[in-house]
Amino acid sequence: MFRFIVRRLLQLIPTLLGLSLLLFVWLHRLPGGPETALLGERGTPETRAMIRRQLGLDQPLWVQYGRFMKRLLRGDFGSSIDTKQPVLDEFLARFPGTVELTVAALIFAIGIGIPLGYLAARRRAGWLDNLSVGGSLVAVCVPIFFLGYLVKQLFAVKLGWFPPTGRQDVTIDATRVTGFYVLDGMLTGEFDAAWNAIMHLILPGLTLASIPLAIIVRITRASVLEVLGEDYVRTARAKGLTERRIRGRHVLRNAMLPVVTVLGLLTGGLLSGAVLTETVFAFTGIGHFIRQAIDNRDYPVMMGFIMIIAVIYVLVNLLVDLSYSLIDPRVRVR
């Protein structure tokens, strides 16, 4: 187990090195630049050249990349061109919001997707199966931004059931401890603030969960159908085991391995792909800030945020691999 973890962590080095190189070249080949975002279209060539010189963007690309890697090895991701704050500080300030949104989306996706996929498989070709399969296809096809505006208009604007934007009402004077608004409300006993933060998470959480929910339903359904046809399930029934014991010990446990694999990929994707959802709901997380950085050609923010997210993505999938042996004792990580 320990050797496996060390080997996977060592594999992280060339992965991040290649990612940093490709990302650095791609970002610096984008049209425009920070000087355009700072000065607008009315900047003179002299002022543009001065800003590029101050930011070091007039140097050859390989010199800029070498300077970036030296800072990166020291844990320094540079400073934002827009806010002038360290990139790592900006990330840590907004990461709790994205984590809360990701957790909310996973709760919806797992809590609905796995039971629905299992029931669809148990009632194959029935109305529930047809409805879940058709609904999952629709959920995958509907764009996130369109679904976000739709639920926001219906449930927030027209019905007024949920707040339309933000992480918490600005009128609430909540105590900040960890940056996780729900957790902060629980720790400080400000349960009204925690509940308000939860209400702000429901609509963006459901929106972000739409595609993962559809995928989990399809994967769970297919996996359960495959396991139900295995010989050991028929043998368990022939031995007189109860359906409850068969479902828990033989069907669900074996059917969860591909679901866990997909969950690992989806979790990393949710952490890095909440840009549209956070933009629609003005949710102050890393996705919303990355969109602003793209608009402003804020290279240090884009580089730093994407590199940190890549590390988190790999670590999440490492935890998924390690969880295999807990779900199925026959699987051992070597």
C-alpha atoms as a PDB file:
ATOM      1  CA  MET A   1       0.000   0.000   0.000  1.00  0.00           C
ATOM      2  CA  PHE A   2       2.732   2.470   0.978  1.00  0.00           C
ATOM      3  CA  ARG A   3       4.751   1.710  -2.167  1.00  0.00           C
ATOM      4  CA  PHE A   4       1.650   2.260  -4.279  1.00  0.00           C
ATOM      5  CA  ILE A   5       1.025   5.682  -2.700  1.00  0.00           C
ATOM      6  CA  VAL A   6       4.660   6.740  -3.176  1.00  0.00           C
ATOM      7  CA  ARG A   7       4.633   5.575  -6.796  1.00  0.00           C
ATOM      8  CA  ARG A   8       1.448   7.497  -7.558  1.00  0.00           C
ATOM      9  CA  LEU A   9       2.835  10.638  -5.922  1.00  0.00           C
ATOM     10  CA  LEU A  10       6.033  10.358  -7.958  1.00  0.00           C
ATOM     11  CA  GLN A  11       3.941  10.030 -11.118  1.00  0.00           C
ATOM     12  CA  LEU A  12       2.472  13.398 -10.203  1.00  0.00           C
ATOM     13  CA  ILE A  13       5.779  15.162 -10.971  1.00  0.00           C
ATOM     14  CA  PRO A  14       5.998  14.554 -14.768  1.00  0.00           C
ATOM     15  CA  THR A  15       2.230  15.012 -15.062  1.00  0.00           C
ATOM     16  CA  LEU A  16       2.320  18.467 -13.488  1.00  0.00           C
ATOM     17  CA  LEU A  17       5.494  19.390 -15.362  1.00  0.00           C
ATOM     18  CA  GLY A  18       3.902  18.585 -18.715  1.00  0.00           C
ATOM     19  CA  LEU A  19       0.693  20.335 -17.727  1.00  0.00           C
ATOM     20  CA  SER A  20       2.539  23.465 -16.646  1.00  0.00           C
ATOM     21  CA  LEU A  21       4.449  23.629 -19.942  1.00  0.00           C
ATOM     22  CA  LEU A  22       1.378  23.150 -22.134  1.00  0.00           C
ATOM     23  CA  LEU A  23      -0.664  25.548 -20.035  1.00  0.00           C
ATOM     24  CA  PHE A  24       2.041  28.210 -20.019  1.00  0.00           C
ATOM     25  CA  VAL A  25       2.453  28.127 -23.804  1.00  0.00           C
ATOM     26  CA  TRP A  26      -1.315  28.081 -24.407  1.00  0.00           C
ATOM     27  CA  LEU A  27      -2.045  31.028 -22.104  1.00  0.00           C
ATOM     28  CA  HIS A  28       0.662  33.178 -23.642  1.00  0.00           C
ATOM     29  CA  ARG A  29      -0.640  32.443 -27.122  1.00  0.00           C
ATOM     30  CA  LEU A  30      -4.091  33.820 -26.352  1.00  0.00           C
ATOM     31  CA  PRO A  31      -5.003  37.010 -28.229  1.00  0.00           C
ATOM     32  CA  GLY A  32      -4.691  40.223 -26.263  1.00  0.00           C
ATOM     33  CA  GLY A  33      -2.912  40.346 -22.927  1.00  0.00           C
ATOM     34  CA  PRO A  34      -2.950  41.853 -19.438  1.00  0.00           C
ATOM     35  CA  GLU A  35      -2.087  45.269 -20.860  1.00  0.00           C
ATOM     36  CA  THR A  36      -5.263  45.177 -22.977  1.00  0.00           C
ATOM     37  CA  ALA A  37      -7.373  44.238 -19.964  1.00  0.00           C
ATOM     38  CA  LEU A  38      -5.786  46.975 -17.834  1.00  0.00           C
ATOM     39  CA  LEU A  39      -5.757  49.784 -20.398  1.00  0.00           C
ATOM     40  CA  GLY A  40      -8.662  48.859 -22.644  1.00  0.00           C
ATOM     41  CA  GLU A  41      -8.666  49.682 -26.323  1.00  0.00           C
ATOM     42  CA  ARG A  42      -7.421  53.246 -25.767  1.00  0.00           C
ATOM     43  CA  GLY A  43      -3.962  52.331 -24.468  1.00  0.00           C
ATOM     44  CA  THR A  44      -1.064  53.702 -26.477  1.00  0.00           C
ATOM     45  CA  PRO A  45       1.705  51.428 -27.768  1.00  0.00           C
ATOM     46  CA  GLU A  46       4.130  53.070 -25.337  1.00  0.00           C
ATOM     47  CA  THR A  47       2.004  52.377 -22.255  1.00  0.00           C
ATOM     48  CA  ARG A  48       1.311  48.831 -23.428  1.00  0.00           C
ATOM     49  CA  ALA A  49       5.026  48.184 -23.877  1.00  0.00           C
ATOM     50  CA  MET A  50       5.747  49.679 -20.443  1.00  0.00           C
ATOM     51  CA  ILE A  51       3.221  47.391 -18.725  1.00  0.00           C
ATOM     52  CA  ARG A  52       4.540  44.318 -20.533  1.00  0.00           C
ATOM     53  CA  ARG A  53       8.055  45.265 -19.460  1.00  0.00           C
ATOM     54  CA  GLN A  54       6.956  45.739 -15.828  1.00  0.00           C
ATOM     55  CA  LEU A  55       5.233  42.357 -15.839  1.00  0.00           C
ATOM     56  CA  GLY A  56       8.189  40.641 -17.526  1.00  0.00           C
ATOM     57  CA  LEU A  57       6.100  39.694 -20.547  1.00  0.00           C
ATOM     58  CA  ASP A  58       8.645  41.192 -22.956  1.00  0.00           C
ATOM     59  CA  GLN A  59      11.108  38.403 -22.139  1.00  0.00           C
ATOM     60  CA  PRO A  60      11.371  35.244 -24.268  1.00  0.00           C
ATOM     61  CA  LEU A  61       8.794  32.599 -23.417  1.00  0.00           C
ATOM     62  CA  TRP A  62      11.355  30.125 -22.087  1.00  0.00           C
ATOM     63  CA  VAL A  63      12.739  32.774 -19.727  1.00  0.00           C
ATOM     64  CA  GLN A  64       9.248  33.501 -18.396  1.00  0.00           C
ATOM     65  CA  TYR A  65       8.586  29.775 -17.951  1.00  0.00           C
ATOM     66  CA  GLY A  66      11.872  29.261 -16.100  1.00  0.00           C
ATOM     67  CA  ARG A  67      11.058  32.159 -13.777  1.00  0.00           C
ATOM     68  CA  PHE A  68       7.613  30.690 -13.149  1.00  0.00           C
ATOM     69  CA  MET A  69       8.995  27.228 -12.319  1.00  0.00           C
ATOM     70  CA  LYS A  70      11.544  28.675  -9.878  1.00  0.00           C
ATOM     71  CA  ARG A  71       8.765  30.450  -8.011  1.00  0.00           C
ATOM     72  CA  LEU A  72       6.588  27.345  -8.158  1.00  0.00           C
ATOM     73  CA  LEU A  73       9.277  25.194  -6.516  1.00  0.00           C
ATOM     74  CA  ARG A  74       9.319  27.675  -3.636  1.00  0.00           C
ATOM     75  CA  GLY A  75       5.537  27.463  -3.314  1.00  0.00           C
ATOM     76  CA  ASP A  76       5.148  30.948  -4.775  1.00  0.00           C
ATOM     77  CA  PHE A  77       2.445  31.178  -7.443  1.00  0.00           C
ATOM     78  CA  GLY A  78       3.007  34.883  -7.977  1.00  0.00           C
ATOM     79  CA  SER A  79       0.549  37.726  -7.484  1.00  0.00           C
ATOM     80  CA  SER A  80      -2.645  38.559  -9.293  1.00  0.00           C
ATOM     81  CA  ILE A  81      -2.252  41.273 -11.917  1.00  0.00           C
ATOM     82  CA  ASP A  82      -5.766  42.488 -11.147  1.00  0.00           C
ATOM     83  CA  THR A  83      -5.981  42.400  -7.322  1.00  0.00           C
ATOM     84  CA  LYS A  84      -2.227  42.559  -6.583  1.00  0.00           C
ATOM     85  CA  GLN A  85      -2.750  39.828  -3.953  1.00  0.00           C
ATOM     86  CA  PRO A  86      -0.790  36.525  -3.814  1.00  0.00           C
ATOM     87  CA  VAL A  87      -2.423  33.900  -5.996  1.00  0.00           C
ATOM     88  CA  LEU A  88      -2.344  31.295  -3.215  1.00  0.00           C
ATOM     89  CA  ASP A  89      -4.177  33.656  -0.850  1.00  0.00           C
ATOM     90  CA  GLU A  90      -6.820  34.325  -3.495  1.00  0.00           C
ATOM     91  CA  PHE A  91      -7.251  30.576  -4.024  1.00  0.00           C
ATOM     92  CA  LEU A  92      -7.539  29.774  -0.313  1.00  0.00           C
ATOM     93  CA  ALA A  93     -10.070  32.566   0.161  1.00  0.00           C
ATOM     94  CA  ARG A  94     -12.377  31.166  -2.542  1.00  0.00           C
ATOM     95  CA  PHE A  95     -11.715  27.425  -2.330  1.00  0.00           C
ATOM     96  CA  PRO A  96     -14.113  26.813   0.613  1.00  0.00           C
ATOM     97  CA  GLY A  97     -17.018  28.137  -1.463  1.00  0.00           C
ATOM     98  CA  THR A  98     -16.275  25.748  -4.321  1.00  0.00           C
ATOM     99  CA  VAL A  99     -15.824  22.846  -1.892  1.00  0.00           C
ATOM    100  CA  GLU A 100     -19.220  23.560  -0.330  1.00  0.00           C
ATOM    101  CA  LEU A 101     -20.811  23.730  -3.773  1.00  0.00           C
ATOM    102  CA  THR A 102     -19.095  20.493  -4.832  1.00  0.00           C
ATOM    103  CA  VAL A 103     -20.214  18.685  -1.676  1.00  0.00           C
ATOM    104  CA  ALA A 104     -23.794  19.877  -2.216  1.00  0.00           C
ATOM    105  CA  ALA A 105     -23.707  18.661  -5.830  1.00  0.00           C
ATOM    106  CA  LEU A 106     -22.290  15.275  -4.779  1.00  0.00           C
ATOM    107  CA  ILE A 107     -24.969  14.870  -2.096  1.00  0.00           C
ATOM    108  CA  PHE A 108     -27.669  15.423  -4.713  1.00  0.00           C
ATOM    109  CA  ALA A 109     -25.946  13.247  -7.319  1.00  0.00           C
ATOM    110  CA  ILE A 110     -25.157  10.317  -5.000  1.00  0.00           C
ATOM    111  CA  GLY A 111     -28.281  10.535  -2.865  1.00  0.00           C
ATOM    112  CA  ILE A 112     -30.561  10.458  -5.899  1.00  0.00           C
ATOM    113  CA  GLY A 113     -28.431   8.765  -8.554  1.00  0.00           C
ATOM    114  CA  ILE A 114     -27.454   5.512  -6.813  1.00  0.00           C
ATOM    115  CA  PRO A 115     -30.936   4.614  -5.462  1.00  0.00           C
ATOM    116  CA  LEU A 116     -32.568   5.603  -8.758  1.00  0.00           C
ATOM    117  CA  GLY A 117     -30.070   3.596 -10.796  1.00  0.00           C
ATOM    118  CA  TYR A 118     -30.534   0.565  -8.546  1.00  0.00           C
ATOM    119  CA  LEU A 119     -34.339   0.736  -8.676  1.00  0.00           C
ATOM    120  CA  ALA A 120     -34.238   1.188 -12.460  1.00  0.00           C
ATOM    121  CA  ALA A 121     -32.144  -1.971 -12.773  1.00  0.00           C
ATOM    122  CA  ARG A 122     -34.438  -3.914 -10.435  1.00  0.00           C
ATOM    123  CA  ARG A 123     -37.446  -2.836 -12.509  1.00  0.00           C
ATOM    124  CA  ARG A 124     -35.886  -3.190 -15.917  1.00  0.00           C
ATOM    125  CA  ALA A 125     -38.100  -2.100 -18.855  1.00  0.00           C
ATOM    126  CA  GLY A 126     -40.640  -0.660 -16.417  1.00  0.00           C
ATOM    127  CA  TRP A 127     -41.859   2.913 -16.265  1.00  0.00           C
ATOM    128  CA  LEU A 128     -39.229   3.897 -13.678  1.00  0.00           C
ATOM    129  CA  ASP A 129     -36.445   2.435 -15.801  1.00  0.00           C
ATOM    130  CA  ASN A 130     -37.636   4.208 -18.942  1.00  0.00           C
ATOM    131  CA  LEU A 131     -38.110   7.473 -17.058  1.00  0.00           C
ATOM    132  CA  SER A 132     -34.657   7.361 -15.451  1.00  0.00           C
ATOM    133  CA  VAL A 133     -32.899   6.487 -18.720  1.00  0.00           C
ATOM    134  CA  GLY A 134     -34.742   9.184 -20.656  1.00  0.00           C
ATOM    135  CA  GLY A 135     -34.246  11.751 -17.898  1.00  0.00           C
ATOM    136  CA  SER A 136     -30.519  11.031 -17.706  1.00  0.00           C
ATOM    137  CA  LEU A 137     -30.171  11.591 -21.446  1.00  0.00           C
ATOM    138  CA  VAL A 138     -31.950  14.934 -21.175  1.00  0.00           C
ATOM    139  CA  ALA A 139     -29.814  15.980 -18.179  1.00  0.00           C
ATOM    140  CA  VAL A 140     -26.596  15.257 -20.062  1.00  0.00           C
ATOM    141  CA  CYS A 141     -27.762  17.169 -23.139  1.00  0.00           C
ATOM    142  CA  VAL A 142     -29.010  20.329 -21.391  1.00  0.00           C
ATOM    143  CA  PRO A 143     -26.199  22.932 -21.050  1.00  0.00           C
ATOM    144  CA  ILE A 144     -25.302  23.857 -17.480  1.00  0.00           C
ATOM    145  CA  PHE A 145     -25.709  27.597 -18.009  1.00  0.00           C
ATOM    146  CA  PHE A 146     -29.168  27.143 -19.564  1.00  0.00           C
ATOM    147  CA  LEU A 147     -30.328  24.885 -16.735  1.00  0.00           C
ATOM    148  CA  GLY A 148     -28.907  27.329 -14.189  1.00  0.00           C
ATOM    149  CA  TYR A 149     -30.791  30.296 -15.624  1.00  0.00           C
ATOM    150  CA  LEU A 150     -33.937  28.166 -15.895  1.00  0.00           C
ATOM    151  CA  VAL A 151     -34.036  27.009 -12.261  1.00  0.00           C
ATOM    152  CA  LYS A 152     -32.935  30.439 -11.071  1.00  0.00           C
ATOM    153  CA  GLN A 153     -35.766  32.155 -12.948  1.00  0.00           C
ATOM    154  CA  LEU A 154     -38.374  29.626 -11.812  1.00  0.00           C
ATOM    155  CA  PHE A 155     -37.500  28.866  -8.190  1.00  0.00           C
ATOM    156  CA  ALA A 156     -35.742  32.090  -7.166  1.00  0.00           C
ATOM    157  CA  VAL A 157     -37.312  34.888  -9.196  1.00  0.00           C
ATOM    158  CA  LYS A 158     -40.899  33.711  -9.804  1.00  0.00           C
ATOM    159  CA  LEU A 159     -41.582  31.456  -6.816  1.00  0.00           C
ATOM    160  CA  GLY A 160     -39.094  33.047  -4.422  1.00  0.00           C
ATOM    161  CA  TRP A 161     -38.320  29.755  -2.701  1.00  0.00           C
ATOM    162  CA  PHE A 162     -34.542  30.149  -2.800  1.00  0.00           C
ATOM    163  CA  PRO A 163     -32.095  33.070  -2.969  1.00  0.00           C
ATOM    164  CA  PRO A 164     -30.923  33.774  -6.534  1.00  0.00           C
ATOM    165  CA  THR A 165     -27.248  34.647  -6.024  1.00  0.00           C
ATOM    166  CA  GLY A 166     -24.335  34.597  -3.631  1.00  0.00           C
ATOM    167  CA  ARG A 167     -23.211  32.298  -0.827  1.00  0.00           C
ATOM    168  CA  GLN A 168     -25.081  34.075   1.973  1.00  0.00           C
ATOM    169  CA  ASP A 169     -27.274  37.124   2.469  1.00  0.00           C
ATOM    170  CA  VAL A 170     -25.173  40.262   2.888  1.00  0.00           C
ATOM    171  CA  THR A 171     -27.429  41.359   5.737  1.00  0.00           C
ATOM    172  CA  ILE A 172     -26.302  38.445   7.911  1.00  0.00           C
ATOM    173  CA  ASP A 173     -23.456  39.361  10.256  1.00  0.00           C
ATOM    174  CA  ALA A 174     -21.943  35.881  10.500  1.00  0.00           C
ATOM    175  CA  THR A 175     -18.725  34.955  12.271  1.00  0.00           C
ATOM    176  CA  ARG A 176     -16.049  33.633   9.912  1.00  0.00           C
ATOM    177  CA  VAL A 177     -13.870  30.818  11.263  1.00  0.00           C
ATOM    178  CA  THR A 178     -12.952  28.411   8.466  1.00  0.00           C
ATOM    179  CA  GLY A 179     -14.365  30.083   5.354  1.00  0.00           C
ATOM    180  CA  PHE A 180     -16.944  27.301   5.021  1.00  0.00           C
ATOM    181  CA  TYR A 181     -20.144  29.208   5.715  1.00  0.00           C
ATOM    182  CA  VAL A 182     -22.246  26.198   6.708  1.00  0.00           C
ATOM    183  CA  LEU A 183     -19.548  24.807   8.992  1.00  0.00           C
ATOM    184  CA  ASP A 184     -18.877  28.231  10.488  1.00  0.00           C
ATOM    185  CA  GLY A 185     -22.536  28.600  11.417  1.00  0.00           C
ATOM    186  CA  MET A 186     -22.503  25.182  13.100  1.00  0.00           C
ATOM    187  CA  LEU A 187     -19.283  25.848  15.022  1.00  0.00           C
ATOM    188  CA  THR A 188     -20.364  29.265  16.294  1.00  0.00           C
ATOM    189  CA  GLY A 189     -23.960  28.298  17.034  1.00  0.00           C
ATOM    190  CA  GLU A 190     -25.267  30.750  14.426  1.00  0.00           C
ATOM    191  CA  PHE A 191     -27.676  28.244  12.954  1.00  0.00           C
ATOM    192  CA  ASP A 192     -29.638  30.906  11.080  1.00  0.00           C
ATOM    193  CA  ALA A 193     -26.468  31.780   9.157  1.00  0.00           C
ATOM    194  CA  ALA A 194     -25.782  28.097   8.463  1.00  0.00           C
ATOM    195  CA  TRP A 195     -29.337  27.558   7.211  1.00  0.00           C
ATOM    196  CA  ASN A 196     -29.108  30.646   5.017  1.00  0.00           C
ATOM    197  CA  ALA A 197     -25.876  29.310   3.486  1.00  0.00           C
ATOM    198  CA  ILE A 198     -27.558  25.944   2.850  1.00  0.00           C
ATOM    199  CA  MET A 199     -30.458  27.669   1.080  1.00  0.00           C
ATOM    200  CA  HIS A 200     -27.936  29.462  -1.150  1.00  0.00           C
ATOM    201  CA  LEU A 201     -26.375  26.094  -2.039  1.00  0.00           C
ATOM    202  CA  ILE A 202     -29.531  24.293  -3.195  1.00  0.00           C
ATOM    203  CA  LEU A 203     -30.087  25.817  -6.642  1.00  0.00           C
ATOM    204  CA  PRO A 204     -26.429  25.943  -7.753  1.00  0.00           C
ATOM    205  CA  GLY A 205     -25.867  22.511  -6.187  1.00  0.00           C
ATOM    206  CA  LEU A 206     -28.748  20.992  -8.156  1.00  0.00           C
ATOM    207  CA  THR A 207     -27.544  22.682 -11.328  1.00  0.00           C
ATOM    208  CA  LEU A 208     -23.992  21.459 -10.920  1.00  0.00           C
ATOM    209  CA  ALA A 209     -25.243  17.964 -10.001  1.00  0.00           C
ATOM    210  CA  SER A 210     -27.332  17.513 -13.152  1.00  0.00           C
ATOM    211  CA  ILE A 211     -24.690  15.855 -15.338  1.00  0.00           C
ATOM    212  CA  PRO A 212     -23.016  13.809 -12.535  1.00  0.00           C
ATOM    213  CA  LEU A 213     -26.480  12.645 -11.441  1.00  0.00           C
ATOM    214  CA  ALA A 214     -27.297  11.443 -14.938  1.00  0.00           C
ATOM    215  CA  ILE A 215     -23.959   9.638 -15.248  1.00  0.00           C
ATOM    216  CA  ILE A 216     -24.294   7.955 -11.855  1.00  0.00           C
ATOM    217  CA  VAL A 217     -27.804   6.742 -12.703  1.00  0.00           C
ATOM    218  CA  ARG A 218     -26.588   5.169 -15.951  1.00  0.00           C
ATOM    219  CA  ILE A 219     -23.445   3.625 -14.432  1.00  0.00           C
ATOM    220  CA  THR A 220     -25.288   2.260 -11.387  1.00  0.00           C
ATOM    221  CA  ARG A 221     -28.044   0.800 -13.519  1.00  0.00           C
ATOM    222  CA  ALA A 222     -25.626  -0.916 -15.903  1.00  0.00           C
ATOM    223  CA  SER A 223     -23.426  -2.198 -13.062  1.00  0.00           C
ATOM    224  CA  VAL A 224     -26.359  -3.604 -11.060  1.00  0.00           C
ATOM    225  CA  LEU A 225     -27.779  -5.298 -14.154  1.00  0.00           C
ATOM    226  CA  GLU A 226     -24.404  -6.945 -14.774  1.00  0.00           C
ATOM    227  CA  VAL A 227     -24.067  -8.142 -11.182  1.00  0.00           C
ATOM    228  CA  LEU A 228     -27.631  -9.470 -11.055  1.00  0.00           C
ATOM    229  CA  GLY A 229     -26.737 -11.830 -13.892  1.00  0.00           C
ATOM    230  CA  GLU A 230     -23.671 -13.282 -12.142  1.00  0.00           C
ATOM    231  CA  ASP A 231     -23.585 -16.896 -10.991  1.00  0.00           C
ATOM    232  CA  TYR A 232     -22.874 -16.040  -7.345  1.00  0.00           C
ATOM    233  CA  VAL A 233     -26.133 -14.057  -7.128  1.00  0.00           C
ATOM    234  CA  ARG A 234     -28.133 -16.993  -8.454  1.00  0.00           C
ATOM    235  CA  THR A 235     -26.255 -19.282  -6.076  1.00  0.00           C
ATOM    236  CA  ALA A 236     -27.075 -17.010  -3.139  1.00  0.00           C
ATOM    237  CA  ARG A 237     -30.759 -17.150  -4.035  1.00  0.00           C
ATOM    238  CA  ALA A 238     -30.602 -20.942  -4.405  1.00  0.00           C
ATOM    239  CA  LYS A 239     -29.083 -21.192  -0.911  1.00  0.00           C
ATOM    240  CA  GLY A 240     -32.119 -19.380   0.471  1.00  0.00           C
ATOM    241  CA  LEU A 241     -30.524 -16.066   1.427  1.00  0.00           C
ATOM    242  CA  THR A 242     -32.923 -13.190   1.910  1.00  0.00           C
ATOM    243  CA  GLU A 243     -33.193 -10.550  -0.799  1.00  0.00           C
ATOM    244  CA  ARG A 244     -32.006  -7.906   1.654  1.00  0.00           C
ATOM    245  CA  ARG A 245     -28.814  -9.843   2.358  1.00  0.00           C
ATOM    246  CA  ILE A 246     -28.270 -10.523  -1.343  1.00  0.00           C
ATOM    247  CA  ARG A 247     -28.702  -6.847  -2.188  1.00  0.00           C
ATOM    248  CA  GLY A 248     -26.346  -5.604   0.510  1.00  0.00           C
ATOM    249  CA  ARG A 249     -23.656  -8.284   0.499  1.00  0.00           C
ATOM    250  CA  HIS A 250     -23.532  -9.399  -3.121  1.00  0.00           C
ATOM    251  CA  VAL A 251     -25.226  -6.928  -5.471  1.00  0.00           C
ATOM    252  CA  LEU A 252     -24.554  -3.414  -4.199  1.00  0.00           C
ATOM    253  CA  ARG A 253     -21.064  -4.081  -2.885  1.00  0.00           C
ATOM    254  CA  ASN A 254     -19.852  -5.504  -6.184  1.00  0.00           C
ATOM    255  CA  ALA A 255     -21.766  -3.002  -8.284  1.00  0.00           C
ATOM    256  CA  MET A 256     -20.194  -0.017  -6.491  1.00  0.00           C
ATOM    257  CA  LEU A 257     -16.655  -0.432  -7.888  1.00  0.00           C
ATOM    258  CA  PRO A 258     -17.321   1.220 -11.277  1.00  0.00           C
ATOM    259  CA  VAL A 259     -19.531   3.793  -9.548  1.00  0.00           C
ATOM    260  CA  VAL A 260     -16.691   4.749  -7.189  1.00  0.00           C
ATOM    261  CA  THR A 261     -14.341   5.116 -10.160  1.00  0.00           C
ATOM    262  CA  VAL A 262     -16.751   7.491 -11.847  1.00  0.00           C
ATOM    263  CA  LEU A 263     -17.286   9.386  -8.582  1.00  0.00           C
ATOM    264  CA  GLY A 264     -13.567  10.074  -8.328  1.00  0.00           C
ATOM    265  CA  LEU A 265     -13.467  11.534 -11.814  1.00  0.00           C
ATOM    266  CA  LEU A 266     -16.666  13.494 -11.231  1.00  0.00           C
ATOM    267  CA  THR A 267     -15.424  14.964  -7.941  1.00  0.00           C
ATOM    268  CA  GLY A 268     -12.257  16.295  -9.549  1.00  0.00           C
ATOM    269  CA  GLY A 269     -14.302  17.574 -12.459  1.00  0.00           C
ATOM    270  CA  LEU A 270     -16.764  19.351 -10.181  1.00  0.00           C
ATOM    271  CA  LEU A 271     -13.961  21.102  -8.309  1.00  0.00           C
ATOM    272  CA  SER A 272     -12.453  22.345 -11.542  1.00  0.00           C
ATOM    273  CA  GLY A 273     -15.559  22.763 -13.679  1.00  0.00           C
ATOM    274  CA  ALA A 274     -17.899  24.941 -11.630  1.00  0.00           C
ATOM    275  CA  VAL A 275     -17.123  28.033 -13.708  1.00  0.00           C
ATOM    276  CA  LEU A 276     -20.497  28.292 -15.445  1.00  0.00           C
ATOM    277  CA  THR A 277     -22.541  27.447 -12.358  1.00  0.00           C
ATOM    278  CA  GLU A 278     -20.699  29.935 -10.164  1.00  0.00           C
ATOM    279  CA  THR A 279     -21.018  32.595 -12.865  1.00  0.00           C
ATOM    280  CA  VAL A 280     -24.781  32.131 -13.266  1.00  0.00           C
ATOM    281  CA  PHE A 281     -25.422  32.279  -9.513  1.00  0.00           C
ATOM    282  CA  ALA A 282     -22.677  34.853  -8.723  1.00  0.00           C
ATOM    283  CA  PHE A 283     -21.236  32.270  -6.344  1.00  0.00           C
ATOM    284  CA  THR A 284     -17.862  33.479  -5.078  1.00  0.00           C
ATOM    285  CA  GLY A 285     -15.748  30.379  -5.617  1.00  0.00           C
ATOM    286  CA  ILE A 286     -12.658  29.566  -7.643  1.00  0.00           C
ATOM    287  CA  GLY A 287     -14.680  29.067 -10.843  1.00  0.00           C
ATOM    288  CA  HIS A 288     -16.101  32.576 -10.675  1.00  0.00           C
ATOM    289  CA  PHE A 289     -12.642  34.028 -10.020  1.00  0.00           C
ATOM    290  CA  ILE A 290     -11.059  32.055 -12.872  1.00  0.00           C
ATOM    291  CA  ARG A 291     -13.641  33.498 -15.266  1.00  0.00           C
ATOM    292  CA  GLN A 292     -12.681  36.988 -14.134  1.00  0.00           C
ATOM    293  CA  ALA A 293      -9.001  36.096 -14.554  1.00  0.00           C
ATOM    294  CA  ILE A 294      -9.652  34.917 -18.128  1.00  0.00           C
ATOM    295  CA  ASP A 295     -11.445  38.175 -18.930  1.00  0.00           C
ATOM    296  CA  ASN A 296      -8.534  40.191 -17.474  1.00  0.00           C
ATOM    297  CA  ARG A 297      -5.787  37.961 -18.939  1.00  0.00           C
ATOM    298  CA  ASP A 298      -4.533  37.469 -15.385  1.00  0.00           C
ATOM    299  CA  TYR A 299      -1.881  34.854 -16.233  1.00  0.00           C
ATOM    300  CA  PRO A 300      -0.599  34.199 -12.671  1.00  0.00           C
ATOM    301  CA  VAL A 301      -4.116  33.477 -11.407  1.00  0.00           C
ATOM    302  CA  MET A 302      -4.969  31.165 -14.294  1.00  0.00           C
ATOM    303  CA  MET A 303      -1.664  29.297 -14.018  1.00  0.00           C
ATOM    304  CA  GLY A 304      -1.753  29.031 -10.243  1.00  0.00           C
ATOM    305  CA  PHE A 305      -5.381  28.013  -9.930  1.00  0.00           C
ATOM    306  CA  ILE A 306      -5.216  25.372 -12.653  1.00  0.00           C
ATOM    307  CA  MET A 307      -2.002  23.872 -11.236  1.00  0.00           C
ATOM    308  CA  ILE A 308      -3.463  23.633  -7.732  1.00  0.00           C
ATOM    309  CA  ILE A 309      -6.674  22.106  -9.078  1.00  0.00           C
ATOM    310  CA  ALA A 310      -4.612  19.544 -11.027  1.00  0.00           C
ATOM    311  CA  VAL A 311      -2.883  18.451  -7.806  1.00  0.00           C
ATOM    312  CA  ILE A 312      -6.239  18.129  -6.038  1.00  0.00           C
ATOM    313  CA  TYR A 313      -7.659  16.158  -8.973  1.00  0.00           C
ATOM    314  CA  VAL A 314      -4.818  13.603  -8.835  1.00  0.00           C
ATOM    315  CA  LEU A 315      -5.056  13.273  -5.040  1.00  0.00           C
ATOM    316  CA  VAL A 316      -8.814  12.689  -5.207  1.00  0.00           C
ATOM    317  CA  ASN A 317      -8.333   9.878  -7.709  1.00  0.00           C
ATOM    318  CA  LEU A 318      -5.584   8.412  -5.502  1.00  0.00           C
ATOM    319  CA  LEU A 319      -8.087   8.247  -2.630  1.00  0.00           C
ATOM    320  CA  VAL A 320     -10.573   6.560  -4.958  1.00  0.00           C
ATOM    321  CA  ASP A 321      -8.011   3.873  -5.853  1.00  0.00           C
ATOM    322  CA  LEU A 322      -7.309   3.273  -2.172  1.00  0.00           C
ATOM    323  CA  SER A 323     -11.005   2.976  -1.405  1.00  0.00           C
ATOM    324  CA  TYR A 324     -11.344  -0.056  -3.691  1.00  0.00           C
ATOM    325  CA  SER A 325      -9.914  -2.400  -1.076  1.00  0.00           C
ATOM    326  CA  LEU A 326     -12.409  -1.099   1.498  1.00  0.00           C
ATOM    327  CA  ILE A 327     -15.401  -1.683  -0.763  1.00  0.00           C
ATOM    328  CA  ASP A 328     -14.306  -5.085  -2.046  1.00  0.00           C
ATOM    329  CA  PRO A 329     -11.739  -7.061   0.027  1.00  0.00           C
ATOM    330  CA  ARG A 330     -10.812  -9.048  -3.073  1.00  0.00           C
ATOM    331  CA  VAL A 331      -9.272  -5.927  -4.546  1.00  0.00           C
ATOM    332  CA  ARG A 332      -5.836  -5.135  -3.140  1.00  0.00           C
ATOM    333  CA  VAL A 333      -3.713  -2.218  -4.270  1.00  0.00           C
ATOM    334  CA  ARG A 334      -0.197  -3.342  -5.202  1.00  0.00           C
END
